[in-house]
Amino acid sequence: MKNFLAFLCAMILVFGMVGNASAALYSYDFSAMGYSDGQILEGMTLDSATFTSETQDLRYYTDYGGGVGTGYGIGAAGDTYINFSIAINELSFTGGDGAGDND
């Protein structure tokens, strides 16, 4: 019984390591990617992520250090969607541009 439990624990550990071994980290810094102010990003695919929006006008903005948003005007807003073509185990977002302007 002890041998079986040891084998079972070892197999769980191996399968857990295999799942994490293929994980990839994608980081998108739109301010460093060479986009121009107001450039449409709707439907753009980077690696395995496709970016779309509720208002279908997802854009890159240079204001406040650069970012992605919808509509081309102050106060315009709409949801942003990211569709992944692969399974995602962990997802993390950092908001704001880090410029200290209360983003």
PDB file of N, CA and C in Angstrom:
ATOM      1  N   MET A   1       0.820  -1.193   0.000  1.00  0.00           N
ATOM      2  CA  MET A   1       0.000   0.000   0.000  1.00  0.00           C
ATOM      3  C   MET A   1       0.868   1.263   0.000  1.00  0.00           C
ATOM      4  N   LYS A   2       1.965   1.229   0.784  1.00  0.00           N
ATOM      5  CA  LYS A   2       2.857   2.388   0.830  1.00  0.00           C
ATOM      6  C   LYS A   2       3.496   2.619  -0.534  1.00  0.00           C
ATOM      7  N   ASN A   3       3.869   1.520  -1.209  1.00  0.00           N
ATOM      8  CA  ASN A   3       4.473   1.655  -2.542  1.00  0.00           C
ATOM      9  C   ASN A   3       3.485   2.273  -3.528  1.00  0.00           C
ATOM     10  N   PHE A   4       2.221   1.863  -3.433  1.00  0.00           N
ATOM     11  CA  PHE A   4       1.211   2.410  -4.322  1.00  0.00           C
ATOM     12  C   PHE A   4       1.016   3.907  -4.065  1.00  0.00           C
ATOM     13  N   LEU A   5       0.943   4.306  -2.809  1.00  0.00           N
ATOM     14  CA  LEU A   5       0.781   5.722  -2.481  1.00  0.00           C
ATOM     15  C   LEU A   5       1.987   6.544  -2.924  1.00  0.00           C
ATOM     16  N   ALA A   6       3.181   5.995  -2.766  1.00  0.00           N
ATOM     17  CA  ALA A   6       4.388   6.688  -3.225  1.00  0.00           C
ATOM     18  C   ALA A   6       4.362   6.843  -4.735  1.00  0.00           C
ATOM     19  N   PHE A   7       3.963   5.779  -5.445  1.00  0.00           N
ATOM     20  CA  PHE A   7       3.861   5.833  -6.907  1.00  0.00           C
ATOM     21  C   PHE A   7       2.816   6.871  -7.337  1.00  0.00           C
ATOM     22  N   LEU A   8       1.672   6.874  -6.669  1.00  0.00           N
ATOM     23  CA  LEU A   8       0.605   7.814  -7.001  1.00  0.00           C
ATOM     24  C   LEU A   8       1.068   9.265  -6.786  1.00  0.00           C
ATOM     25  N   CYS A   9       1.745   9.525  -5.673  1.00  0.00           N
ATOM     26  CA  CYS A   9       2.257  10.879  -5.412  1.00  0.00           C
ATOM     27  C   CYS A   9       3.293  11.289  -6.452  1.00  0.00           C
ATOM     28  N   ALA A  10       4.143  10.354  -6.834  1.00  0.00           N
ATOM     29  CA  ALA A  10       5.166  10.647  -7.847  1.00  0.00           C
ATOM     30  C   ALA A  10       4.518  10.968  -9.191  1.00  0.00           C
ATOM     31  N   MET A  11       3.476  10.231  -9.556  1.00  0.00           N
ATOM     32  CA  MET A  11       2.802  10.474 -10.840  1.00  0.00           C
ATOM     33  C   MET A  11       2.094  11.829 -10.840  1.00  0.00           C
ATOM     34  N   ILE A  12       1.471  12.175  -9.726  1.00  0.00           N
ATOM     35  CA  ILE A  12       0.807  13.485  -9.628  1.00  0.00           C
ATOM     36  C   ILE A  12       1.839  14.594  -9.763  1.00  0.00           C
ATOM     37  N   LEU A  13       2.974  14.433  -9.128  1.00  0.00           N
ATOM     38  CA  LEU A  13       4.051  15.429  -9.226  1.00  0.00           C
ATOM     39  C   LEU A  13       4.554  15.550 -10.662  1.00  0.00           C
ATOM     40  N   VAL A  14       4.758  14.418 -11.336  1.00  0.00           N
ATOM     41  CA  VAL A  14       5.250  14.431 -12.722  1.00  0.00           C
ATOM     42  C   VAL A  14       4.241  15.109 -13.639  1.00  0.00           C
ATOM     43  N   PHE A  15       2.963  14.746 -13.520  1.00  0.00           N
ATOM     44  CA  PHE A  15       1.951  15.365 -14.382  1.00  0.00           C
ATOM     45  C   PHE A  15       1.814  16.856 -14.106  1.00  0.00           C
ATOM     46  N   GLY A  16       1.965  17.261 -12.865  1.00  0.00           N
ATOM     47  CA  GLY A  16       1.933  18.682 -12.527  1.00  0.00           C
ATOM     48  C   GLY A  16       3.089  19.435 -13.145  1.00  0.00           C
ATOM     49  N   MET A  17       4.256  18.836 -13.173  1.00  0.00           N
ATOM     50  CA  MET A  17       5.432  19.487 -13.755  1.00  0.00           C
ATOM     51  C   MET A  17       5.315  19.563 -15.267  1.00  0.00           C
ATOM     52  N   VAL A  18       4.745  18.553 -15.902  1.00  0.00           N
ATOM     53  CA  VAL A  18       4.579  18.568 -17.351  1.00  0.00           C
ATOM     54  C   VAL A  18       3.661  19.702 -17.764  1.00  0.00           C
ATOM     55  N   GLY A  19       2.577  19.921 -17.014  1.00  0.00           N
ATOM     56  CA  GLY A  19       1.640  21.000 -17.332  1.00  0.00           C
ATOM     57  C   GLY A  19       2.301  22.364 -17.271  1.00  0.00           C
ATOM     58  N   ASN A  20       3.190  22.591 -16.334  1.00  0.00           N
ATOM     59  CA  ASN A  20       3.862  23.877 -16.198  1.00  0.00           C
ATOM     60  C   ASN A  20       5.062  24.017 -17.115  1.00  0.00           C
ATOM     61  N   ALA A  21       5.607  22.916 -17.580  1.00  0.00           N
ATOM     62  CA  ALA A  21       6.796  22.975 -18.420  1.00  0.00           C
ATOM     63  C   ALA A  21       6.511  23.654 -19.753  1.00  0.00           C
ATOM     64  N   SER A  22       5.282  23.522 -20.255  1.00  0.00           N
ATOM     65  CA  SER A  22       4.961  24.103 -21.555  1.00  0.00           C
ATOM     66  C   SER A  22       4.385  25.510 -21.443  1.00  0.00           C
ATOM     67  N   ALA A  23       4.298  26.053 -20.251  1.00  0.00           N
ATOM     68  CA  ALA A  23       3.722  27.381 -20.062  1.00  0.00           C
ATOM     69  C   ALA A  23       4.629  28.455 -20.659  1.00  0.00           C
ATOM     70  N   ALA A  24       4.020  29.442 -21.269  1.00  0.00           N
ATOM     71  CA  ALA A  24       4.769  30.556 -21.865  1.00  0.00           C
ATOM     72  C   ALA A  24       4.285  31.854 -21.256  1.00  0.00           C
ATOM     73  N   LEU A  25       5.182  32.791 -21.121  1.00  0.00           N
ATOM     74  CA  LEU A  25       4.836  34.109 -20.586  1.00  0.00           C
ATOM     75  C   LEU A  25       4.826  35.107 -21.727  1.00  0.00           C
ATOM     76  N   TYR A  26       3.698  35.768 -21.919  1.00  0.00           N
ATOM     77  CA  TYR A  26       3.579  36.799 -22.935  1.00  0.00           C
ATOM     78  C   TYR A  26       3.388  38.133 -22.224  1.00  0.00           C
ATOM     79  N   SER A  27       4.135  39.110 -22.628  1.00  0.00           N
ATOM     80  CA  SER A  27       4.016  40.438 -22.052  1.00  0.00           C
ATOM     81  C   SER A  27       3.916  41.431 -23.200  1.00  0.00           C
ATOM     82  N   TYR A  28       2.874  42.262 -23.180  1.00  0.00           N
ATOM     83  CA  TYR A  28       2.652  43.218 -24.255  1.00  0.00           C
ATOM     84  C   TYR A  28       2.797  44.634 -23.711  1.00  0.00           C
ATOM     85  N   ASP A  29       3.807  45.335 -24.148  1.00  0.00           N
ATOM     86  CA  ASP A  29       3.996  46.743 -23.794  1.00  0.00           C
ATOM     87  C   ASP A  29       3.713  47.538 -25.064  1.00  0.00           C
ATOM     88  N   PHE A  30       2.473  47.949 -25.219  1.00  0.00           N
ATOM     89  CA  PHE A  30       2.063  48.613 -26.451  1.00  0.00           C
ATOM     90  C   PHE A  30       2.808  49.920 -26.679  1.00  0.00           C
ATOM     91  N   SER A  31       3.280  50.559 -25.616  1.00  0.00           N
ATOM     92  CA  SER A  31       4.004  51.818 -25.777  1.00  0.00           C
ATOM     93  C   SER A  31       5.382  51.605 -26.406  1.00  0.00           C
ATOM     94  N   ALA A  32       5.881  50.375 -26.394  1.00  0.00           N
ATOM     95  CA  ALA A  32       7.200  50.092 -26.954  1.00  0.00           C
ATOM     96  C   ALA A  32       7.122  49.323 -28.280  1.00  0.00           C
ATOM     97  N   MET A  33       5.925  49.164 -28.838  1.00  0.00           N
ATOM     98  CA  MET A  33       5.755  48.341 -30.033  1.00  0.00           C
ATOM     99  C   MET A  33       5.705  49.132 -31.331  1.00  0.00           C
ATOM    100  N   GLY A  34       5.852  50.448 -31.269  1.00  0.00           N
ATOM    101  CA  GLY A  34       5.939  51.245 -32.488  1.00  0.00           C
ATOM    102  C   GLY A  34       4.614  51.652 -33.107  1.00  0.00           C
ATOM    103  N   TYR A  35       3.524  51.573 -32.375  1.00  0.00           N
ATOM    104  CA  TYR A  35       2.235  51.995 -32.917  1.00  0.00           C
ATOM    105  C   TYR A  35       2.124  53.518 -32.884  1.00  0.00           C
ATOM    106  N   SER A  36       1.356  54.074 -33.805  1.00  0.00           N
ATOM    107  CA  SER A  36       1.140  55.525 -33.827  1.00  0.00           C
ATOM    108  C   SER A  36      -0.148  55.858 -33.085  1.00  0.00           C
ATOM    109  N   ASP A  37      -0.256  57.094 -32.603  1.00  0.00           N
ATOM    110  CA  ASP A  37      -1.422  57.515 -31.835  1.00  0.00           C
ATOM    111  C   ASP A  37      -2.696  57.354 -32.667  1.00  0.00           C
ATOM    112  N   GLY A  38      -3.688  56.665 -32.099  1.00  0.00           N
ATOM    113  CA  GLY A  38      -4.958  56.459 -32.777  1.00  0.00           C
ATOM    114  C   GLY A  38      -4.995  55.254 -33.693  1.00  0.00           C
ATOM    115  N   GLN A  39      -3.899  54.516 -33.796  1.00  0.00           N
ATOM    116  CA  GLN A  39      -3.855  53.359 -34.694  1.00  0.00           C
ATOM    117  C   GLN A  39      -4.849  52.299 -34.245  1.00  0.00           C
ATOM    118  N   ILE A  40      -5.627  51.769 -35.186  1.00  0.00           N
ATOM    119  CA  ILE A  40      -6.631  50.742 -34.908  1.00  0.00           C
ATOM    120  C   ILE A  40      -5.938  49.411 -34.616  1.00  0.00           C
ATOM    121  N   LEU A  41      -6.338  48.791 -33.506  1.00  0.00           N
ATOM    122  CA  LEU A  41      -5.810  47.482 -33.128  1.00  0.00           C
ATOM    123  C   LEU A  41      -6.899  46.418 -33.141  1.00  0.00           C
ATOM    124  N   GLU A  42      -8.106  46.796 -33.508  1.00  0.00           N
ATOM    125  CA  GLU A  42      -9.255  45.886 -33.513  1.00  0.00           C
ATOM    126  C   GLU A  42      -8.952  44.654 -34.354  1.00  0.00           C
ATOM    127  N   GLY A  43      -9.098  43.464 -33.758  1.00  0.00           N
ATOM    128  CA  GLY A  43      -8.869  42.208 -34.462  1.00  0.00           C
ATOM    129  C   GLY A  43      -7.417  41.809 -34.585  1.00  0.00           C
ATOM    130  N   MET A  44      -6.513  42.569 -34.002  1.00  0.00           N
ATOM    131  CA  MET A  44      -5.085  42.272 -34.081  1.00  0.00           C
ATOM    132  C   MET A  44      -4.768  41.018 -33.260  1.00  0.00           C
ATOM    133  N   THR A  45      -3.910  40.150 -33.797  1.00  0.00           N
ATOM    134  CA  THR A  45      -3.484  38.956 -33.083  1.00  0.00           C
ATOM    135  C   THR A  45      -2.003  39.050 -32.792  1.00  0.00           C
ATOM    136  N   LEU A  46      -1.648  38.905 -31.518  1.00  0.00           N
ATOM    137  CA  LEU A  46      -0.257  38.838 -31.075  1.00  0.00           C
ATOM    138  C   LEU A  46      -0.058  37.487 -30.422  1.00  0.00           C
ATOM    139  N   ASP A  47       0.877  36.721 -30.925  1.00  0.00           N
ATOM    140  CA  ASP A  47       1.117  35.364 -30.425  1.00  0.00           C
ATOM    141  C   ASP A  47      -0.191  34.576 -30.501  1.00  0.00           C
ATOM    142  N   SER A  48      -0.794  34.251 -29.382  1.00  0.00           N
ATOM    143  CA  SER A  48      -2.039  33.478 -29.383  1.00  0.00           C
ATOM    144  C   SER A  48      -3.216  34.294 -28.862  1.00  0.00           C
ATOM    145  N   ALA A  49      -3.067  35.608 -28.738  1.00  0.00           N
ATOM    146  CA  ALA A  49      -4.117  36.471 -28.209  1.00  0.00           C
ATOM    147  C   ALA A  49      -4.643  37.409 -29.294  1.00  0.00           C
ATOM    148  N   THR A  50      -5.969  37.435 -29.473  1.00  0.00           N
ATOM    149  CA  THR A  50      -6.615  38.345 -30.414  1.00  0.00           C
ATOM    150  C   THR A  50      -7.360  39.407 -29.615  1.00  0.00           C
ATOM    151  N   PHE A  51      -7.105  40.672 -29.944  1.00  0.00           N
ATOM    152  CA  PHE A  51      -7.665  41.804 -29.217  1.00  0.00           C
ATOM    153  C   PHE A  51      -8.836  42.407 -29.987  1.00  0.00           C
ATOM    154  N   THR A  52      -9.993  42.500 -29.343  1.00  0.00           N
ATOM    155  CA  THR A  52     -11.178  43.130 -29.931  1.00  0.00           C
ATOM    156  C   THR A  52     -11.838  43.984 -28.848  1.00  0.00           C
ATOM    157  N   SER A  53     -12.911  44.676 -29.220  1.00  0.00           N
ATOM    158  CA  SER A  53     -13.597  45.527 -28.242  1.00  0.00           C
ATOM    159  C   SER A  53     -15.094  45.514 -28.477  1.00  0.00           C
ATOM    160  N   GLU A  54     -15.808  45.939 -27.461  1.00  0.00           N
ATOM    161  CA  GLU A  54     -17.262  46.037 -27.512  1.00  0.00           C
ATOM    162  C   GLU A  54     -17.704  46.993 -28.615  1.00  0.00           C
ATOM    163  N   THR A  55     -16.992  48.088 -28.778  1.00  0.00           N
ATOM    164  CA  THR A  55     -17.363  49.107 -29.758  1.00  0.00           C
ATOM    165  C   THR A  55     -16.693  48.904 -31.116  1.00  0.00           C
ATOM    166  N   GLN A  56     -15.894  47.875 -31.241  1.00  0.00           N
ATOM    167  CA  GLN A  56     -15.212  47.498 -32.480  1.00  0.00           C
ATOM    168  C   GLN A  56     -14.312  48.592 -33.022  1.00  0.00           C
ATOM    169  N   ASP A  57     -13.683  49.353 -32.116  1.00  0.00           N
ATOM    170  CA  ASP A  57     -12.732  50.384 -32.548  1.00  0.00           C
ATOM    171  C   ASP A  57     -11.556  50.475 -31.571  1.00  0.00           C
ATOM    172  N   LEU A  58     -11.041  49.327 -31.181  1.00  0.00           N
ATOM    173  CA  LEU A  58      -9.910  49.285 -30.254  1.00  0.00           C
ATOM    174  C   LEU A  58      -8.726  50.018 -30.871  1.00  0.00           C
ATOM    175  N   ARG A  59      -8.125  50.936 -30.100  1.00  0.00           N
ATOM    176  CA  ARG A  59      -7.039  51.774 -30.609  1.00  0.00           C
ATOM    177  C   ARG A  59      -5.890  51.846 -29.621  1.00  0.00           C
ATOM    178  N   TYR A  60      -4.750  52.256 -30.141  1.00  0.00           N
ATOM    179  CA  TYR A  60      -3.594  52.558 -29.310  1.00  0.00           C
ATOM    180  C   TYR A  60      -3.544  54.070 -29.099  1.00  0.00           C
ATOM    181  N   TYR A  61      -3.292  54.504 -27.863  1.00  0.00           N
ATOM    182  CA  TYR A  61      -3.180  55.920 -27.534  1.00  0.00           C
ATOM    183  C   TYR A  61      -1.807  56.222 -26.966  1.00  0.00           C
ATOM    184  N   THR A  62      -1.241  57.340 -27.333  1.00  0.00           N
ATOM    185  CA  THR A  62       0.051  57.737 -26.775  1.00  0.00           C
ATOM    186  C   THR A  62      -0.103  58.559 -25.508  1.00  0.00           C
ATOM    187  N   ASP A  63      -1.302  59.038 -25.223  1.00  0.00           N
ATOM    188  CA  ASP A  63      -1.540  59.849 -24.025  1.00  0.00           C
ATOM    189  C   ASP A  63      -1.201  59.079 -22.764  1.00  0.00           C
ATOM    190  N   TYR A  64      -0.665  59.780 -21.783  1.00  0.00           N
ATOM    191  CA  TYR A  64      -0.366  59.229 -20.460  1.00  0.00           C
ATOM    192  C   TYR A  64       0.563  58.015 -20.522  1.00  0.00           C
ATOM    193  N   GLY A  65       1.492  58.014 -21.438  1.00  0.00           N
ATOM    194  CA  GLY A  65       2.467  56.939 -21.495  1.00  0.00           C
ATOM    195  C   GLY A  65       2.105  55.802 -22.425  1.00  0.00           C
ATOM    196  N   GLY A  66       0.953  55.846 -23.038  1.00  0.00           N
ATOM    197  CA  GLY A  66       0.572  54.823 -24.003  1.00  0.00           C
ATOM    198  C   GLY A  66      -0.356  53.785 -23.418  1.00  0.00           C
ATOM    199  N   GLY A  67      -1.343  53.404 -24.186  1.00  0.00           N
ATOM    200  CA  GLY A  67      -2.275  52.386 -23.741  1.00  0.00           C
ATOM    201  C   GLY A  67      -3.254  52.018 -24.817  1.00  0.00           C
ATOM    202  N   VAL A  68      -4.125  51.081 -24.504  1.00  0.00           N
ATOM    203  CA  VAL A  68      -5.112  50.580 -25.444  1.00  0.00           C
ATOM    204  C   VAL A  68      -6.487  50.943 -24.910  1.00  0.00           C
ATOM    205  N   GLY A  69      -7.352  51.450 -25.784  1.00  0.00           N
ATOM    206  CA  GLY A  69      -8.701  51.805 -25.376  1.00  0.00           C
ATOM    207  C   GLY A  69      -9.626  51.862 -26.566  1.00  0.00           C
ATOM    208  N   THR A  70     -10.886  52.210 -26.310  1.00  0.00           N
ATOM    209  CA  THR A  70     -11.878  52.271 -27.383  1.00  0.00           C
ATOM    210  C   THR A  70     -12.307  53.706 -27.607  1.00  0.00           C
ATOM    211  N   GLY A  71     -12.750  53.987 -28.811  1.00  0.00           N
ATOM    212  CA  GLY A  71     -13.201  55.333 -29.156  1.00  0.00           C
ATOM    213  C   GLY A  71     -12.031  56.293 -29.244  1.00  0.00           C
ATOM    214  N   TYR A  72     -12.184  57.335 -30.031  1.00  0.00           N
ATOM    215  CA  TYR A  72     -11.097  58.303 -30.139  1.00  0.00           C
ATOM    216  C   TYR A  72     -11.569  59.627 -29.584  1.00  0.00           C
ATOM    217  N   GLY A  73     -11.648  59.682 -28.283  1.00  0.00           N
ATOM    218  CA  GLY A  73     -12.055  60.912 -27.621  1.00  0.00           C
ATOM    219  C   GLY A  73     -12.123  60.713 -26.129  1.00  0.00           C
ATOM    220  N   ILE A  74     -11.945  61.773 -25.388  1.00  0.00           N
ATOM    221  CA  ILE A  74     -12.003  61.690 -23.936  1.00  0.00           C
ATOM    222  C   ILE A  74     -13.413  61.309 -23.523  1.00  0.00           C
ATOM    223  N   GLY A  75     -13.514  60.350 -22.636  1.00  0.00           N
ATOM    224  CA  GLY A  75     -14.804  59.889 -22.155  1.00  0.00           C
ATOM    225  C   GLY A  75     -15.363  58.710 -22.931  1.00  0.00           C
ATOM    226  N   ALA A  76     -14.783  58.387 -24.086  1.00  0.00           N
ATOM    227  CA  ALA A  76     -15.239  57.227 -24.842  1.00  0.00           C
ATOM    228  C   ALA A  76     -14.815  55.970 -24.096  1.00  0.00           C
ATOM    229  N   ALA A  77     -15.688  55.007 -24.024  1.00  0.00           N
ATOM    230  CA  ALA A  77     -15.357  53.796 -23.293  1.00  0.00           C
ATOM    231  C   ALA A  77     -16.094  52.601 -23.887  1.00  0.00           C
ATOM    232  N   GLY A  78     -15.491  51.469 -23.783  1.00  0.00           N
ATOM    233  CA  GLY A  78     -16.083  50.203 -24.197  1.00  0.00           C
ATOM    234  C   GLY A  78     -15.212  49.081 -23.676  1.00  0.00           C
ATOM    235  N   ASP A  79     -15.787  47.911 -23.497  1.00  0.00           N
ATOM    236  CA  ASP A  79     -15.038  46.768 -22.999  1.00  0.00           C
ATOM    237  C   ASP A  79     -14.009  46.300 -24.017  1.00  0.00           C
ATOM    238  N   THR A  80     -12.883  45.841 -23.516  1.00  0.00           N
ATOM    239  CA  THR A  80     -11.831  45.263 -24.346  1.00  0.00           C
ATOM    240  C   THR A  80     -11.814  43.773 -24.096  1.00  0.00           C
ATOM    241  N   TYR A  81     -11.735  42.975 -25.174  1.00  0.00           N
ATOM    242  CA  TYR A  81     -11.744  41.521 -25.066  1.00  0.00           C
ATOM    243  C   TYR A  81     -10.434  40.965 -25.593  1.00  0.00           C
ATOM    244  N   ILE A  82      -9.942  39.936 -24.919  1.00  0.00           N
ATOM    245  CA  ILE A  82      -8.751  39.220 -25.375  1.00  0.00           C
ATOM    246  C   ILE A  82      -9.144  37.750 -25.498  1.00  0.00           C
ATOM    247  N   ASN A  83      -9.081  37.218 -26.715  1.00  0.00           N
ATOM    248  CA  ASN A  83      -9.442  35.833 -26.988  1.00  0.00           C
ATOM    249  C   ASN A  83      -8.159  35.040 -27.224  1.00  0.00           C
ATOM    250  N   PHE A  84      -7.932  34.012 -26.432  1.00  0.00           N
ATOM    251  CA  PHE A  84      -6.720  33.201 -26.545  1.00  0.00           C
ATOM    252  C   PHE A  84      -7.009  31.929 -27.337  1.00  0.00           C
ATOM    253  N   SER A  85      -6.116  31.593 -28.247  1.00  0.00           N
ATOM    254  CA  SER A  85      -6.282  30.388 -29.049  1.00  0.00           C
ATOM    255  C   SER A  85      -5.652  29.173 -28.387  1.00  0.00           C
ATOM    256  N   ILE A  86      -5.087  29.343 -27.216  1.00  0.00           N
ATOM    257  CA  ILE A  86      -4.519  28.241 -26.442  1.00  0.00           C
ATOM    258  C   ILE A  86      -5.109  28.290 -25.037  1.00  0.00           C
ATOM    259  N   ALA A  87      -4.967  27.190 -24.309  1.00  0.00           N
ATOM    260  CA  ALA A  87      -5.445  27.161 -22.927  1.00  0.00           C
ATOM    261  C   ALA A  87      -4.583  28.081 -22.066  1.00  0.00           C
ATOM    262  N   ILE A  88      -5.218  28.831 -21.180  1.00  0.00           N
ATOM    263  CA  ILE A  88      -4.520  29.770 -20.300  1.00  0.00           C
ATOM    264  C   ILE A  88      -4.669  29.290 -18.864  1.00  0.00           C
ATOM    265  N   ASN A  89      -3.538  29.142 -18.184  1.00  0.00           N
ATOM    266  CA  ASN A  89      -3.562  28.713 -16.786  1.00  0.00           C
ATOM    267  C   ASN A  89      -3.540  29.886 -15.825  1.00  0.00           C
ATOM    268  N   GLU A  90      -2.920  30.978 -16.216  1.00  0.00           N
ATOM    269  CA  GLU A  90      -2.785  32.127 -15.333  1.00  0.00           C
ATOM    270  C   GLU A  90      -2.797  33.394 -16.170  1.00  0.00           C
ATOM    271  N   LEU A  91      -3.472  34.420 -15.676  1.00  0.00           N
ATOM    272  CA  LEU A  91      -3.592  35.671 -16.399  1.00  0.00           C
ATOM    273  C   LEU A  91      -3.388  36.809 -15.417  1.00  0.00           C
ATOM    274  N   SER A  92      -2.568  37.785 -15.799  1.00  0.00           N
ATOM    275  CA  SER A  92      -2.275  38.904 -14.919  1.00  0.00           C
ATOM    276  C   SER A  92      -2.263  40.186 -15.732  1.00  0.00           C
ATOM    277  N   PHE A  93      -2.842  41.257 -15.168  1.00  0.00           N
ATOM    278  CA  PHE A  93      -2.864  42.553 -15.825  1.00  0.00           C
ATOM    279  C   PHE A  93      -2.269  43.600 -14.908  1.00  0.00           C
ATOM    280  N   THR A  94      -1.597  44.562 -15.494  1.00  0.00           N
ATOM    281  CA  THR A  94      -1.121  45.727 -14.769  1.00  0.00           C
ATOM    282  C   THR A  94      -1.771  46.940 -15.401  1.00  0.00           C
ATOM    283  N   GLY A  95      -2.511  47.713 -14.636  1.00  0.00           N
ATOM    284  CA  GLY A  95      -3.207  48.870 -15.167  1.00  0.00           C
ATOM    285  C   GLY A  95      -2.375  50.132 -15.032  1.00  0.00           C
ATOM    286  N   GLY A  96      -2.646  51.095 -15.892  1.00  0.00           N
ATOM    287  CA  GLY A  96      -1.934  52.369 -15.830  1.00  0.00           C
ATOM    288  C   GLY A  96      -0.626  52.304 -16.573  1.00  0.00           C
ATOM    289  N   ASP A  97       0.014  53.452 -16.649  1.00  0.00           N
ATOM    290  CA  ASP A  97       1.277  53.520 -17.388  1.00  0.00           C
ATOM    291  C   ASP A  97       2.487  53.672 -16.477  1.00  0.00           C
ATOM    292  N   GLY A  98       2.252  53.706 -15.182  1.00  0.00           N
ATOM    293  CA  GLY A  98       3.374  53.818 -14.249  1.00  0.00           C
ATOM    294  C   GLY A  98       3.971  55.209 -14.168  1.00  0.00           C
ATOM    295  N   ALA A  99       3.319  56.206 -14.778  1.00  0.00           N
ATOM    296  CA  ALA A  99       3.870  57.551 -14.801  1.00  0.00           C
ATOM    297  C   ALA A  99       3.440  58.376 -13.606  1.00  0.00           C
ATOM    298  N   GLY A 100       2.730  57.781 -12.676  1.00  0.00           N
ATOM    299  CA  GLY A 100       2.352  58.484 -11.464  1.00  0.00           C
ATOM    300  C   GLY A 100       1.236  59.502 -11.632  1.00  0.00           C
ATOM    301  N   ASP A 101       0.415  59.375 -12.661  1.00  0.00           N
ATOM    302  CA  ASP A 101      -0.663  60.341 -12.878  1.00  0.00           C
ATOM    303  C   ASP A 101      -2.034  59.762 -12.504  1.00  0.00           C
ATOM    304  N   ASN A 102      -2.046  58.954 -11.463  1.00  0.00           N
ATOM    305  CA  ASN A 102      -3.269  58.405 -10.887  1.00  0.00           C
ATOM    306  C   ASN A 102      -4.113  57.583 -11.866  1.00  0.00           C
ATOM    307  N   ASP A 103      -3.446  56.763 -12.651  1.00  0.00           N
ATOM    308  CA  ASP A 103      -4.180  55.877 -13.559  1.00  0.00           C
ATOM    309  C   ASP A 103      -4.898  54.818 -12.743  1.00  0.00           C
TER     310      ASP A 103
END
